């Protein structure tokens, strides 16, 4: 299945032909994981429980164990993430936010993947 190539917070991408760029496979999974982690619960009218809401947590006191549990649980809700082995979440406090690195196994290809991003103001 194709989705439109889009990372949360970025612009849509175009193909060399000028059409909207499609995304599939592992890249599609990474984009969907990041979208889930950054979306605030209640933002999707028809799926009010969708999302981890990491963006809204910036500026609050960071409980690293809470963040790890939240990210791990949300990761397992994505079809692109294999449940075994479980995703591994690493967090580091940075200026103005948190740096996140997640290691997981792609459910389709069976290959190990890493997704790293910062959650900042």
PDB file of N, CA and C in Angstrom:
ATOM      1  N   UNK A   1       0.841  -1.176   0.000  1.00  0.00           N
ATOM      2  CA  UNK A   1       0.000   0.000   0.000  1.00  0.00           C
ATOM      3  C   UNK A   1       0.889   1.243   0.000  1.00  0.00           C
ATOM      4  N   UNK A   2       0.453   2.248  -0.711  1.00  0.00           N
ATOM      5  CA  UNK A   2       1.208   3.486  -0.806  1.00  0.00           C
ATOM      6  C   UNK A   2       0.620   4.555   0.114  1.00  0.00           C
ATOM      7  N   UNK A   3       1.486   5.333   0.698  1.00  0.00           N
ATOM      8  CA  UNK A   3       1.118   6.547   1.412  1.00  0.00           C
ATOM      9  C   UNK A   3       1.853   7.676   0.716  1.00  0.00           C
ATOM     10  N   UNK A   4       1.502   8.908   1.063  1.00  0.00           N
ATOM     11  CA  UNK A   4       2.234  10.064   0.541  1.00  0.00           C
ATOM     12  C   UNK A   4       3.459  10.268   1.422  1.00  0.00           C
ATOM     13  N   UNK A   5       4.619  10.500   0.806  1.00  0.00           N
ATOM     14  CA  UNK A   5       5.875  10.713   1.525  1.00  0.00           C
ATOM     15  C   UNK A   5       5.750  11.992   2.337  1.00  0.00           C
ATOM     16  N   UNK A   6       5.769  11.849   3.667  1.00  0.00           N
ATOM     17  CA  UNK A   6       5.638  13.025   4.523  1.00  0.00           C
ATOM     18  C   UNK A   6       6.118  12.714   5.935  1.00  0.00           C
ATOM     19  N   UNK A   7       7.100  13.474   6.386  1.00  0.00           N
ATOM     20  CA  UNK A   7       7.525  13.400   7.777  1.00  0.00           C
ATOM     21  C   UNK A   7       6.805  14.488   8.555  1.00  0.00           C
ATOM     22  N   UNK A   8       6.331  14.153   9.725  1.00  0.00           N
ATOM     23  CA  UNK A   8       5.637  15.095  10.583  1.00  0.00           C
ATOM     24  C   UNK A   8       6.474  16.354  10.761  1.00  0.00           C
ATOM     25  N   UNK A   9       5.838  17.499  10.559  1.00  0.00           N
ATOM     26  CA  UNK A   9       6.526  18.774  10.699  1.00  0.00           C
ATOM     27  C   UNK A   9       7.201  19.249   9.430  1.00  0.00           C
ATOM     28  N   UNK A  10       7.212  18.422   8.387  1.00  0.00           N
ATOM     29  CA  UNK A  10       7.860  18.789   7.129  1.00  0.00           C
ATOM     30  C   UNK A  10       6.849  19.012   6.012  1.00  0.00           C
ATOM     31  N   UNK A  11       7.360  19.319   4.857  1.00  0.00           N
ATOM     32  CA  UNK A  11       6.524  19.526   3.686  1.00  0.00           C
ATOM     33  C   UNK A  11       6.300  18.217   2.950  1.00  0.00           C
ATOM     34  N   UNK A  12       5.268  18.184   2.117  1.00  0.00           N
ATOM     35  CA  UNK A  12       5.064  17.049   1.233  1.00  0.00           C
ATOM     36  C   UNK A  12       6.180  17.054   0.198  1.00  0.00           C
ATOM     37  N   UNK A  13       6.534  15.891  -0.303  1.00  0.00           N
ATOM     38  CA  UNK A  13       7.602  15.775  -1.293  1.00  0.00           C
ATOM     39  C   UNK A  13       7.004  15.431  -2.643  1.00  0.00           C
ATOM     40  N   UNK A  14       7.694  15.855  -3.686  1.00  0.00           N
ATOM     41  CA  UNK A  14       7.243  15.527  -5.040  1.00  0.00           C
ATOM     42  C   UNK A  14       8.208  14.545  -5.683  1.00  0.00           C
ATOM     43  N   UNK A  15       7.675  13.794  -6.622  1.00  0.00           N
ATOM     44  CA  UNK A  15       8.491  12.848  -7.385  1.00  0.00           C
ATOM     45  C   UNK A  15       9.206  13.611  -8.495  1.00  0.00           C
ATOM     46  N   UNK A  16      10.149  12.972  -9.195  1.00  0.00           N
ATOM     47  CA  UNK A  16      10.819  13.640 -10.306  1.00  0.00           C
ATOM     48  C   UNK A  16       9.835  14.101 -11.399  1.00  0.00           C
ATOM     49  N   UNK A  17       8.680  13.438 -11.493  1.00  0.00           N
ATOM     50  CA  UNK A  17       7.673  13.810 -12.494  1.00  0.00           C
ATOM     51  C   UNK A  17       6.787  14.958 -12.017  1.00  0.00           C
ATOM     52  N   UNK A  18       6.955  15.384 -10.753  1.00  0.00           N
ATOM     53  CA  UNK A  18       6.168  16.490 -10.225  1.00  0.00           C
ATOM     54  C   UNK A  18       4.924  16.059  -9.474  1.00  0.00           C
ATOM     55  N   UNK A  19       4.654  14.766  -9.419  1.00  0.00           N
ATOM     56  CA  UNK A  19       3.511  14.259  -8.660  1.00  0.00           C
ATOM     57  C   UNK A  19       3.881  14.194  -7.181  1.00  0.00           C
ATOM     58  N   UNK A  20       2.874  13.964  -6.335  1.00  0.00           N
ATOM     59  CA  UNK A  20       3.173  13.724  -4.928  1.00  0.00           C
ATOM     60  C   UNK A  20       3.966  12.441  -4.827  1.00  0.00           C
ATOM     61  N   UNK A  21       5.010  12.468  -4.040  1.00  0.00           N
ATOM     62  CA  UNK A  21       5.908  11.324  -3.913  1.00  0.00           C
ATOM     63  C   UNK A  21       5.282  10.251  -3.019  1.00  0.00           C
ATOM     64  N   UNK A  22       5.193   9.017  -3.499  1.00  0.00           N
ATOM     65  CA  UNK A  22       4.675   7.941  -2.657  1.00  0.00           C
ATOM     66  C   UNK A  22       5.774   7.365  -1.766  1.00  0.00           C
ATOM     67  N   UNK A  23       5.363   6.651  -0.733  1.00  0.00           N
ATOM     68  CA  UNK A  23       6.318   5.985   0.144  1.00  0.00           C
ATOM     69  C   UNK A  23       5.775   4.598   0.475  1.00  0.00           C
ATOM     70  N   UNK A  24       6.671   3.621   0.511  1.00  0.00           N
ATOM     71  CA  UNK A  24       6.292   2.250   0.860  1.00  0.00           C
ATOM     72  C   UNK A  24       7.377   1.651   1.745  1.00  0.00           C
ATOM     73  N   UNK A  25       7.153   0.445   2.190  1.00  0.00           N
ATOM     74  CA  UNK A  25       8.173  -0.333   2.893  1.00  0.00           C
ATOM     75  C   UNK A  25       8.620   0.262   4.208  1.00  0.00           C
ATOM     76  N   UNK A  26       9.902   0.108   4.478  1.00  0.00           N
ATOM     77  CA  UNK A  26      10.494   0.532   5.746  1.00  0.00           C
ATOM     78  C   UNK A  26      10.346   2.029   5.968  1.00  0.00           C
ATOM     79  N   UNK A  27      10.518   2.811   4.927  1.00  0.00           N
ATOM     80  CA  UNK A  27      10.400   4.271   5.047  1.00  0.00           C
ATOM     81  C   UNK A  27       8.974   4.660   5.453  1.00  0.00           C
ATOM     82  N   UNK A  28       7.992   3.983   4.887  1.00  0.00           N
ATOM     83  CA  UNK A  28       6.584   4.222   5.249  1.00  0.00           C
ATOM     84  C   UNK A  28       6.389   3.928   6.739  1.00  0.00           C
ATOM     85  N   UNK A  29       6.958   2.825   7.208  1.00  0.00           N
ATOM     86  CA  UNK A  29       6.846   2.465   8.619  1.00  0.00           C
ATOM     87  C   UNK A  29       7.440   3.517   9.528  1.00  0.00           C
ATOM     88  N   UNK A  30       8.612   4.039   9.176  1.00  0.00           N
ATOM     89  CA  UNK A  30       9.260   5.069  10.003  1.00  0.00           C
ATOM     90  C   UNK A  30       8.411   6.333  10.073  1.00  0.00           C
ATOM     91  N   UNK A  31       7.839   6.726   8.933  1.00  0.00           N
ATOM     92  CA  UNK A  31       7.000   7.918   8.924  1.00  0.00           C
ATOM     93  C   UNK A  31       5.750   7.718   9.772  1.00  0.00           C
ATOM     94  N   UNK A  32       5.168   6.542   9.700  1.00  0.00           N
ATOM     95  CA  UNK A  32       3.954   6.253  10.480  1.00  0.00           C
ATOM     96  C   UNK A  32       4.270   6.199  11.980  1.00  0.00           C
ATOM     97  N   UNK A  33       5.411   5.643  12.346  1.00  0.00           N
ATOM     98  CA  UNK A  33       5.805   5.594  13.760  1.00  0.00           C
ATOM     99  C   UNK A  33       5.981   7.007  14.294  1.00  0.00           C
ATOM    100  N   UNK A  34       6.717   7.831  13.569  1.00  0.00           N
ATOM    101  CA  UNK A  34       6.965   9.198  14.007  1.00  0.00           C
ATOM    102  C   UNK A  34       5.652   9.980  14.108  1.00  0.00           C
ATOM    103  N   UNK A  35       4.759   9.796  13.149  1.00  0.00           N
ATOM    104  CA  UNK A  35       3.454  10.465  13.179  1.00  0.00           C
ATOM    105  C   UNK A  35       2.679  10.044  14.436  1.00  0.00           C
ATOM    106  N   UNK A  36       2.677   8.757  14.739  1.00  0.00           N
ATOM    107  CA  UNK A  36       1.967   8.267  15.923  1.00  0.00           C
ATOM    108  C   UNK A  36       2.560   8.872  17.198  1.00  0.00           C
ATOM    109  N   UNK A  37       3.879   8.896  17.304  1.00  0.00           N
ATOM    110  CA  UNK A  37       4.521   9.387  18.520  1.00  0.00           C
ATOM    111  C   UNK A  37       4.318  10.884  18.733  1.00  0.00           C
ATOM    112  N   UNK A  38       4.248  11.650  17.655  1.00  0.00           N
ATOM    113  CA  UNK A  38       4.120  13.098  17.778  1.00  0.00           C
ATOM    114  C   UNK A  38       2.668  13.583  17.826  1.00  0.00           C
ATOM    115  N   UNK A  39       1.716  12.786  17.367  1.00  0.00           N
ATOM    116  CA  UNK A  39       0.312  13.188  17.361  1.00  0.00           C
ATOM    117  C   UNK A  39      -0.254  13.163  18.776  1.00  0.00           C
ATOM    118  N   UNK A  40      -0.977  14.214  19.117  1.00  0.00           N
ATOM    119  CA  UNK A  40      -1.602  14.297  20.434  1.00  0.00           C
ATOM    120  C   UNK A  40      -2.900  13.481  20.447  1.00  0.00           C
ATOM    121  N   UNK A  41      -3.123  12.698  21.498  1.00  0.00           N
ATOM    122  CA  UNK A  41      -4.392  11.977  21.589  1.00  0.00           C
ATOM    123  C   UNK A  41      -5.557  12.964  21.469  1.00  0.00           C
ATOM    124  N   UNK A  42      -6.568  12.573  20.713  1.00  0.00           N
ATOM    125  CA  UNK A  42      -7.739  13.425  20.508  1.00  0.00           C
ATOM    126  C   UNK A  42      -7.679  14.265  19.246  1.00  0.00           C
ATOM    127  N   UNK A  43      -6.516  14.344  18.578  1.00  0.00           N
ATOM    128  CA  UNK A  43      -6.404  15.154  17.364  1.00  0.00           C
ATOM    129  C   UNK A  43      -7.107  14.526  16.166  1.00  0.00           C
ATOM    130  N   UNK A  44      -7.168  13.201  16.104  1.00  0.00           N
ATOM    131  CA  UNK A  44      -7.866  12.524  15.014  1.00  0.00           C
ATOM    132  C   UNK A  44      -9.284  12.245  15.479  1.00  0.00           C
ATOM    133  N   UNK A  45     -10.261  12.950  14.916  1.00  0.00           N
ATOM    134  CA  UNK A  45     -11.645  12.890  15.357  1.00  0.00           C
ATOM    135  C   UNK A  45     -12.186  11.457  15.397  1.00  0.00           C
ATOM    136  N   UNK A  46     -11.867  10.663  14.385  1.00  0.00           N
ATOM    137  CA  UNK A  46     -12.416   9.315  14.322  1.00  0.00           C
ATOM    138  C   UNK A  46     -11.565   8.283  15.071  1.00  0.00           C
ATOM    139  N   UNK A  47     -10.420   8.703  15.575  1.00  0.00           N
ATOM    140  CA  UNK A  47      -9.546   7.821  16.366  1.00  0.00           C
ATOM    141  C   UNK A  47      -8.974   8.630  17.538  1.00  0.00           C
ATOM    142  N   UNK A  48      -9.819   9.001  18.495  1.00  0.00           N
ATOM    143  CA  UNK A  48      -9.369   9.893  19.566  1.00  0.00           C
ATOM    144  C   UNK A  48      -8.274   9.310  20.459  1.00  0.00           C
ATOM    145  N   UNK A  49      -8.105   7.993  20.460  1.00  0.00           N
ATOM    146  CA  UNK A  49      -7.076   7.373  21.294  1.00  0.00           C
ATOM    147  C   UNK A  49      -5.725   7.295  20.591  1.00  0.00           C
ATOM    148  N   UNK A  50      -5.663   7.656  19.295  1.00  0.00           N
ATOM    149  CA  UNK A  50      -4.440   7.551  18.503  1.00  0.00           C
ATOM    150  C   UNK A  50      -3.430   8.594  18.951  1.00  0.00           C
ATOM    151  N   UNK A  51      -2.185   8.188  19.119  1.00  0.00           N
ATOM    152  CA  UNK A  51      -1.091   9.116  19.361  1.00  0.00           C
ATOM    153  C   UNK A  51      -0.518   9.061  20.762  1.00  0.00           C
ATOM    154  N   UNK A  52       0.775   9.377  20.840  1.00  0.00           N
ATOM    155  CA  UNK A  52       1.479   9.405  22.127  1.00  0.00           C
ATOM    156  C   UNK A  52       1.553  10.812  22.697  1.00  0.00           C
ATOM    157  N   UNK A  53       1.487  11.833  21.855  1.00  0.00           N
ATOM    158  CA  UNK A  53       1.511  13.211  22.332  1.00  0.00           C
ATOM    159  C   UNK A  53       2.840  13.683  22.863  1.00  0.00           C
ATOM    160  N   UNK A  54       3.950  13.185  22.296  1.00  0.00           N
ATOM    161  CA  UNK A  54       5.261  13.613  22.805  1.00  0.00           C
ATOM    162  C   UNK A  54       5.479  15.114  22.678  1.00  0.00           C
ATOM    163  N   UNK A  55       4.999  15.700  21.607  1.00  0.00           N
ATOM    164  CA  UNK A  55       5.188  17.133  21.392  1.00  0.00           C
ATOM    165  C   UNK A  55       4.591  17.991  22.486  1.00  0.00           C
ATOM    166  N   UNK A  56       3.446  17.587  23.016  1.00  0.00           N
ATOM    167  CA  UNK A  56       2.800  18.387  24.060  1.00  0.00           C
ATOM    168  C   UNK A  56       3.499  18.237  25.409  1.00  0.00           C
ATOM    169  N   UNK A  57       4.424  17.296  25.529  1.00  0.00           N
ATOM    170  CA  UNK A  57       5.139  17.073  26.778  1.00  0.00           C
ATOM    171  C   UNK A  57       6.367  17.980  26.932  1.00  0.00           C
ATOM    172  N   UNK A  58       6.758  18.641  25.843  1.00  0.00           N
ATOM    173  CA  UNK A  58       7.923  19.526  25.904  1.00  0.00           C
ATOM    174  C   UNK A  58       7.618  20.676  26.853  1.00  0.00           C
ATOM    175  N   UNK A  59       8.550  20.956  27.742  1.00  0.00           N
ATOM    176  CA  UNK A  59       8.377  22.010  28.725  1.00  0.00           C
ATOM    177  C   UNK A  59       7.930  21.480  30.071  1.00  0.00           C
ATOM    178  N   UNK A  60       7.439  20.239  30.092  1.00  0.00           N
ATOM    179  CA  UNK A  60       7.061  19.614  31.355  1.00  0.00           C
ATOM    180  C   UNK A  60       8.290  18.918  31.937  1.00  0.00           C
ATOM    181  N   UNK A  61       8.215  18.562  33.202  1.00  0.00           N
ATOM    182  CA  UNK A  61       9.276  17.752  33.792  1.00  0.00           C
ATOM    183  C   UNK A  61       9.293  16.412  33.072  1.00  0.00           C
ATOM    184  N   UNK A  62      10.470  15.973  32.668  1.00  0.00           N
ATOM    185  CA  UNK A  62      10.603  14.743  31.904  1.00  0.00           C
ATOM    186  C   UNK A  62      10.840  13.570  32.835  1.00  0.00           C
ATOM    187  N   UNK A  63       9.941  12.605  32.783  1.00  0.00           N
ATOM    188  CA  UNK A  63      10.100  11.350  33.502  1.00  0.00           C
ATOM    189  C   UNK A  63      10.529  10.328  32.447  1.00  0.00           C
ATOM    190  N   UNK A  64      11.824  10.022  32.395  1.00  0.00           N
ATOM    191  CA  UNK A  64      12.347   9.164  31.328  1.00  0.00           C
ATOM    192  C   UNK A  64      11.689   7.793  31.294  1.00  0.00           C
ATOM    193  N   UNK A  65      11.391   7.216  32.446  1.00  0.00           N
ATOM    194  CA  UNK A  65      10.734   5.906  32.470  1.00  0.00           C
ATOM    195  C   UNK A  65       9.325   5.980  31.887  1.00  0.00           C
ATOM    196  N   UNK A  66       8.618   7.054  32.178  1.00  0.00           N
ATOM    197  CA  UNK A  66       7.275   7.247  31.626  1.00  0.00           C
ATOM    198  C   UNK A  66       7.342   7.363  30.101  1.00  0.00           C
ATOM    199  N   UNK A  67       8.293   8.160  29.616  1.00  0.00           N
ATOM    200  CA  UNK A  67       8.455   8.332  28.167  1.00  0.00           C
ATOM    201  C   UNK A  67       8.795   6.995  27.504  1.00  0.00           C
ATOM    202  N   UNK A  68       9.704   6.230  28.102  1.00  0.00           N
ATOM    203  CA  UNK A  68      10.083   4.937  27.526  1.00  0.00           C
ATOM    204  C   UNK A  68       8.877   4.010  27.426  1.00  0.00           C
ATOM    205  N   UNK A  69       8.096   3.945  28.482  1.00  0.00           N
ATOM    206  CA  UNK A  69       6.916   3.076  28.483  1.00  0.00           C
ATOM    207  C   UNK A  69       5.899   3.547  27.446  1.00  0.00           C
ATOM    208  N   UNK A  70       5.681   4.836  27.362  1.00  0.00           N
ATOM    209  CA  UNK A  70       4.740   5.398  26.393  1.00  0.00           C
ATOM    210  C   UNK A  70       5.180   5.095  24.963  1.00  0.00           C
ATOM    211  N   UNK A  71       6.450   5.346  24.668  1.00  0.00           N
ATOM    212  CA  UNK A  71       6.971   5.108  23.313  1.00  0.00           C
ATOM    213  C   UNK A  71       6.927   3.625  22.976  1.00  0.00           C
ATOM    214  N   UNK A  72       7.353   2.779  23.883  1.00  0.00           N
ATOM    215  CA  UNK A  72       7.345   1.332  23.632  1.00  0.00           C
ATOM    216  C   UNK A  72       5.938   0.829  23.344  1.00  0.00           C
ATOM    217  N   UNK A  73       4.983   1.257  24.142  1.00  0.00           N
ATOM    218  CA  UNK A  73       3.603   0.829  23.959  1.00  0.00           C
ATOM    219  C   UNK A  73       3.024   1.298  22.636  1.00  0.00           C
ATOM    220  N   UNK A  74       3.298   2.535  22.267  1.00  0.00           N
ATOM    221  CA  UNK A  74       2.786   3.072  21.006  1.00  0.00           C
ATOM    222  C   UNK A  74       3.458   2.409  19.805  1.00  0.00           C
ATOM    223  N   UNK A  75       4.739   2.100  19.936  1.00  0.00           N
ATOM    224  CA  UNK A  75       5.459   1.420  18.848  1.00  0.00           C
ATOM    225  C   UNK A  75       4.784   0.096  18.510  1.00  0.00           C
ATOM    226  N   UNK A  76       4.397  -0.644  19.519  1.00  0.00           N
ATOM    227  CA  UNK A  76       3.804  -1.965  19.302  1.00  0.00           C
ATOM    228  C   UNK A  76       2.425  -1.899  18.665  1.00  0.00           C
ATOM    229  N   UNK A  77       1.829  -0.714  18.598  1.00  0.00           N
ATOM    230  CA  UNK A  77       0.540  -0.546  17.930  1.00  0.00           C
ATOM    231  C   UNK A  77       0.684  -0.357  16.422  1.00  0.00           C
ATOM    232  N   UNK A  78       1.905  -0.148  15.962  1.00  0.00           N
ATOM    233  CA  UNK A  78       2.150   0.037  14.526  1.00  0.00           C
ATOM    234  C   UNK A  78       2.401  -1.304  13.863  1.00  0.00           C
ATOM    235  N   UNK A  79       1.761  -1.531  12.725  1.00  0.00           N
ATOM    236  CA  UNK A  79       1.915  -2.798  12.012  1.00  0.00           C
ATOM    237  C   UNK A  79       3.323  -3.012  11.482  1.00  0.00           C
ATOM    238  N   UNK A  80       4.085  -1.949  11.325  1.00  0.00           N
ATOM    239  CA  UNK A  80       5.445  -2.056  10.792  1.00  0.00           C
ATOM    240  C   UNK A  80       6.440  -2.558  11.834  1.00  0.00           C
ATOM    241  N   UNK A  81       6.042  -2.600  13.100  1.00  0.00           N
ATOM    242  CA  UNK A  81       6.952  -2.959  14.184  1.00  0.00           C
ATOM    243  C   UNK A  81       6.676  -4.382  14.660  1.00  0.00           C
ATOM    244  N   UNK A  82       7.706  -5.222  14.607  1.00  0.00           N
ATOM    245  CA  UNK A  82       7.579  -6.590  15.110  1.00  0.00           C
ATOM    246  C   UNK A  82       7.533  -6.561  16.636  1.00  0.00           C
ATOM    247  N   UNK A  83       6.728  -7.429  17.210  1.00  0.00           N
ATOM    248  CA  UNK A  83       6.614  -7.447  18.672  1.00  0.00           C
ATOM    249  C   UNK A  83       7.772  -8.187  19.340  1.00  0.00           C
ATOM    250  N   UNK A  84       8.457  -9.027  18.565  1.00  0.00           N
ATOM    251  CA  UNK A  84       9.585  -9.768  19.110  1.00  0.00           C
ATOM    252  C   UNK A  84      10.761  -9.681  18.134  1.00  0.00           C
ATOM    253  N   UNK A  85      11.879  -9.209  18.559  1.00  0.00           N
ATOM    254  CA  UNK A  85      12.169  -8.660  19.882  1.00  0.00           C
ATOM    255  C   UNK A  85      11.473  -7.310  20.079  1.00  0.00           C
ATOM    256  N   UNK A  86      11.201  -6.987  21.322  1.00  0.00           N
ATOM    257  CA  UNK A  86      10.523  -5.732  21.653  1.00  0.00           C
ATOM    258  C   UNK A  86      11.400  -4.540  21.278  1.00  0.00           C
ATOM    259  N   UNK A  87      10.780  -3.425  20.898  1.00  0.00           N
ATOM    260  CA  UNK A  87      11.562  -2.216  20.601  1.00  0.00           C
ATOM    261  C   UNK A  87      12.384  -1.780  21.806  1.00  0.00           C
ATOM    262  N   UNK A  88      13.543  -1.223  21.531  1.00  0.00           N
ATOM    263  CA  UNK A  88      14.431  -0.706  22.571  1.00  0.00           C
ATOM    264  C   UNK A  88      14.462   0.813  22.456  1.00  0.00           C
ATOM    265  N   UNK A  89      14.155   1.516  23.541  1.00  0.00           N
ATOM    266  CA  UNK A  89      14.058   2.973  23.527  1.00  0.00           C
ATOM    267  C   UNK A  89      15.184   3.573  24.360  1.00  0.00           C
ATOM    268  N   UNK A  90      15.909   4.529  23.771  1.00  0.00           N
ATOM    269  CA  UNK A  90      16.941   5.280  24.492  1.00  0.00           C
ATOM    270  C   UNK A  90      16.570   6.754  24.461  1.00  0.00           C
ATOM    271  N   UNK A  91      16.683   7.418  25.602  1.00  0.00           N
ATOM    272  CA  UNK A  91      16.345   8.831  25.718  1.00  0.00           C
ATOM    273  C   UNK A  91      17.519   9.593  26.319  1.00  0.00           C
ATOM    274  N   UNK A  92      17.671  10.832  25.888  1.00  0.00           N
ATOM    275  CA  UNK A  92      18.694  11.706  26.461  1.00  0.00           C
ATOM    276  C   UNK A  92      18.138  13.118  26.526  1.00  0.00           C
ATOM    277  N   UNK A  93      18.336  13.754  27.666  1.00  0.00           N
ATOM    278  CA  UNK A  93      17.920  15.147  27.796  1.00  0.00           C
ATOM    279  C   UNK A  93      18.851  16.013  26.965  1.00  0.00           C
ATOM    280  N   UNK A  94      18.289  16.938  26.206  1.00  0.00           N
ATOM    281  CA  UNK A  94      19.063  17.891  25.415  1.00  0.00           C
ATOM    282  C   UNK A  94      18.532  19.290  25.716  1.00  0.00           C
ATOM    283  N   UNK A  95      19.213  20.291  25.247  1.00  0.00           N
ATOM    284  CA  UNK A  95      18.780  21.673  25.432  1.00  0.00           C
ATOM    285  C   UNK A  95      17.387  21.856  24.821  1.00  0.00           C
ATOM    286  N   UNK A  96      16.408  22.153  25.658  1.00  0.00           N
ATOM    287  CA  UNK A  96      15.056  22.419  25.178  1.00  0.00           C
ATOM    288  C   UNK A  96      14.218  21.202  24.864  1.00  0.00           C
ATOM    289  N   UNK A  97      14.649  20.004  25.250  1.00  0.00           N
ATOM    290  CA  UNK A  97      13.830  18.838  24.947  1.00  0.00           C
ATOM    291  C   UNK A  97      14.500  17.511  25.239  1.00  0.00           C
ATOM    292  N   UNK A  98      14.129  16.530  24.428  1.00  0.00           N
ATOM    293  CA  UNK A  98      14.596  15.162  24.608  1.00  0.00           C
ATOM    294  C   UNK A  98      15.003  14.585  23.256  1.00  0.00           C
ATOM    295  N   UNK A  99      16.130  13.874  23.224  1.00  0.00           N
ATOM    296  CA  UNK A  99      16.562  13.147  22.035  1.00  0.00           C
ATOM    297  C   UNK A  99      16.116  11.694  22.210  1.00  0.00           C
ATOM    298  N   UNK A 100      15.437  11.168  21.178  1.00  0.00           N
ATOM    299  CA  UNK A 100      14.875   9.820  21.231  1.00  0.00           C
ATOM    300  C   UNK A 100      15.529   8.946  20.174  1.00  0.00           C
ATOM    301  N   UNK A 101      15.889   7.735  20.543  1.00  0.00           N
ATOM    302  CA  UNK A 101      16.395   6.745  19.599  1.00  0.00           C
ATOM    303  C   UNK A 101      15.685   5.430  19.886  1.00  0.00           C
ATOM    304  N   UNK A 102      15.077   4.868  18.848  1.00  0.00           N
ATOM    305  CA  UNK A 102      14.336   3.624  18.999  1.00  0.00           C
ATOM    306  C   UNK A 102      14.916   2.588  18.046  1.00  0.00           C
ATOM    307  N   UNK A 103      15.243   1.428  18.584  1.00  0.00           N
ATOM    308  CA  UNK A 103      15.682   0.295  17.767  1.00  0.00           C
ATOM    309  C   UNK A 103      14.547  -0.718  17.771  1.00  0.00           C
ATOM    310  N   UNK A 104      14.180  -1.166  16.571  1.00  0.00           N
ATOM    311  CA  UNK A 104      13.085  -2.118  16.453  1.00  0.00           C
ATOM    312  C   UNK A 104      13.324  -3.004  15.237  1.00  0.00           C
ATOM    313  N   UNK A 105      12.522  -4.042  15.107  1.00  0.00           N
ATOM    314  CA  UNK A 105      12.603  -4.926  13.949  1.00  0.00           C
ATOM    315  C   UNK A 105      11.417  -4.651  13.048  1.00  0.00           C
ATOM    316  N   UNK A 106      11.703  -4.429  11.747  1.00  0.00           N
ATOM    317  CA  UNK A 106      10.645  -4.208  10.776  1.00  0.00           C
ATOM    318  C   UNK A 106       9.849  -5.505  10.618  1.00  0.00           C
ATOM    319  N   UNK A 107       8.542  -5.436  10.806  1.00  0.00           N
ATOM    320  CA  UNK A 107       7.695  -6.628  10.785  1.00  0.00           C
ATOM    321  C   UNK A 107       7.628  -7.276   9.410  1.00  0.00           C
ATOM    322  N   UNK A 108       7.762  -6.501   8.349  1.00  0.00           N
ATOM    323  CA  UNK A 108       7.657  -7.041   7.003  1.00  0.00           C
ATOM    324  C   UNK A 108       8.956  -7.663   6.528  1.00  0.00           C
ATOM    325  N   UNK A 109      10.044  -6.915   6.668  1.00  0.00           N
ATOM    326  CA  UNK A 109      11.325  -7.386   6.142  1.00  0.00           C
ATOM    327  C   UNK A 109      12.127  -8.201   7.147  1.00  0.00           C
ATOM    328  N   UNK A 110      11.822  -8.037   8.446  1.00  0.00           N
ATOM    329  CA  UNK A 110      12.572  -8.732   9.479  1.00  0.00           C
ATOM    330  C   UNK A 110      13.924  -8.118   9.768  1.00  0.00           C
ATOM    331  N   UNK A 111      14.199  -6.943   9.213  1.00  0.00           N
ATOM    332  CA  UNK A 111      15.493  -6.292   9.412  1.00  0.00           C
ATOM    333  C   UNK A 111      15.457  -5.348  10.611  1.00  0.00           C
ATOM    334  N   UNK A 112      16.584  -5.224  11.310  1.00  0.00           N
ATOM    335  CA  UNK A 112      16.647  -4.266  12.409  1.00  0.00           C
ATOM    336  C   UNK A 112      16.659  -2.839  11.853  1.00  0.00           C
ATOM    337  N   UNK A 113      15.928  -1.963  12.502  1.00  0.00           N
ATOM    338  CA  UNK A 113      15.830  -0.566  12.082  1.00  0.00           C
ATOM    339  C   UNK A 113      16.078   0.344  13.270  1.00  0.00           C
ATOM    340  N   UNK A 114      16.490   1.569  12.986  1.00  0.00           N
ATOM    341  CA  UNK A 114      16.671   2.586  14.014  1.00  0.00           C
ATOM    342  C   UNK A 114      15.973   3.859  13.569  1.00  0.00           C
ATOM    343  N   UNK A 115      15.265   4.474  14.487  1.00  0.00           N
ATOM    344  CA  UNK A 115      14.604   5.750  14.238  1.00  0.00           C
ATOM    345  C   UNK A 115      15.050   6.700  15.333  1.00  0.00           C
ATOM    346  N   UNK A 116      15.687   7.797  14.943  1.00  0.00           N
ATOM    347  CA  UNK A 116      16.163   8.789  15.913  1.00  0.00           C
ATOM    348  C   UNK A 116      15.585  10.144  15.577  1.00  0.00           C
ATOM    349  N   UNK A 117      15.167  10.871  16.616  1.00  0.00           N
ATOM    350  CA  UNK A 117      14.598  12.199  16.412  1.00  0.00           C
ATOM    351  C   UNK A 117      14.654  12.965  17.731  1.00  0.00           C
ATOM    352  N   UNK A 118      14.524  14.276  17.639  1.00  0.00           N
ATOM    353  CA  UNK A 118      14.493  15.141  18.830  1.00  0.00           C
ATOM    354  C   UNK A 118      13.099  15.702  19.010  1.00  0.00           C
ATOM    355  N   UNK A 119      12.687  15.790  20.247  1.00  0.00           N
ATOM    356  CA  UNK A 119      11.423  16.429  20.601  1.00  0.00           C
ATOM    357  C   UNK A 119      11.809  17.693  21.330  1.00  0.00           C
ATOM    358  N   UNK A 120      11.631  18.845  20.665  1.00  0.00           N
ATOM    359  CA  UNK A 120      12.062  20.122  21.230  1.00  0.00           C
ATOM    360  C   UNK A 120      10.948  21.153  21.095  1.00  0.00           C
ATOM    361  N   UNK A 121      11.185  22.287  21.723  1.00  0.00           N
ATOM    362  CA  UNK A 121      10.209  23.380  21.651  1.00  0.00           C
ATOM    363  C   UNK A 121      10.067  23.880  20.242  1.00  0.00           C
TER     364      UNK A 121
END
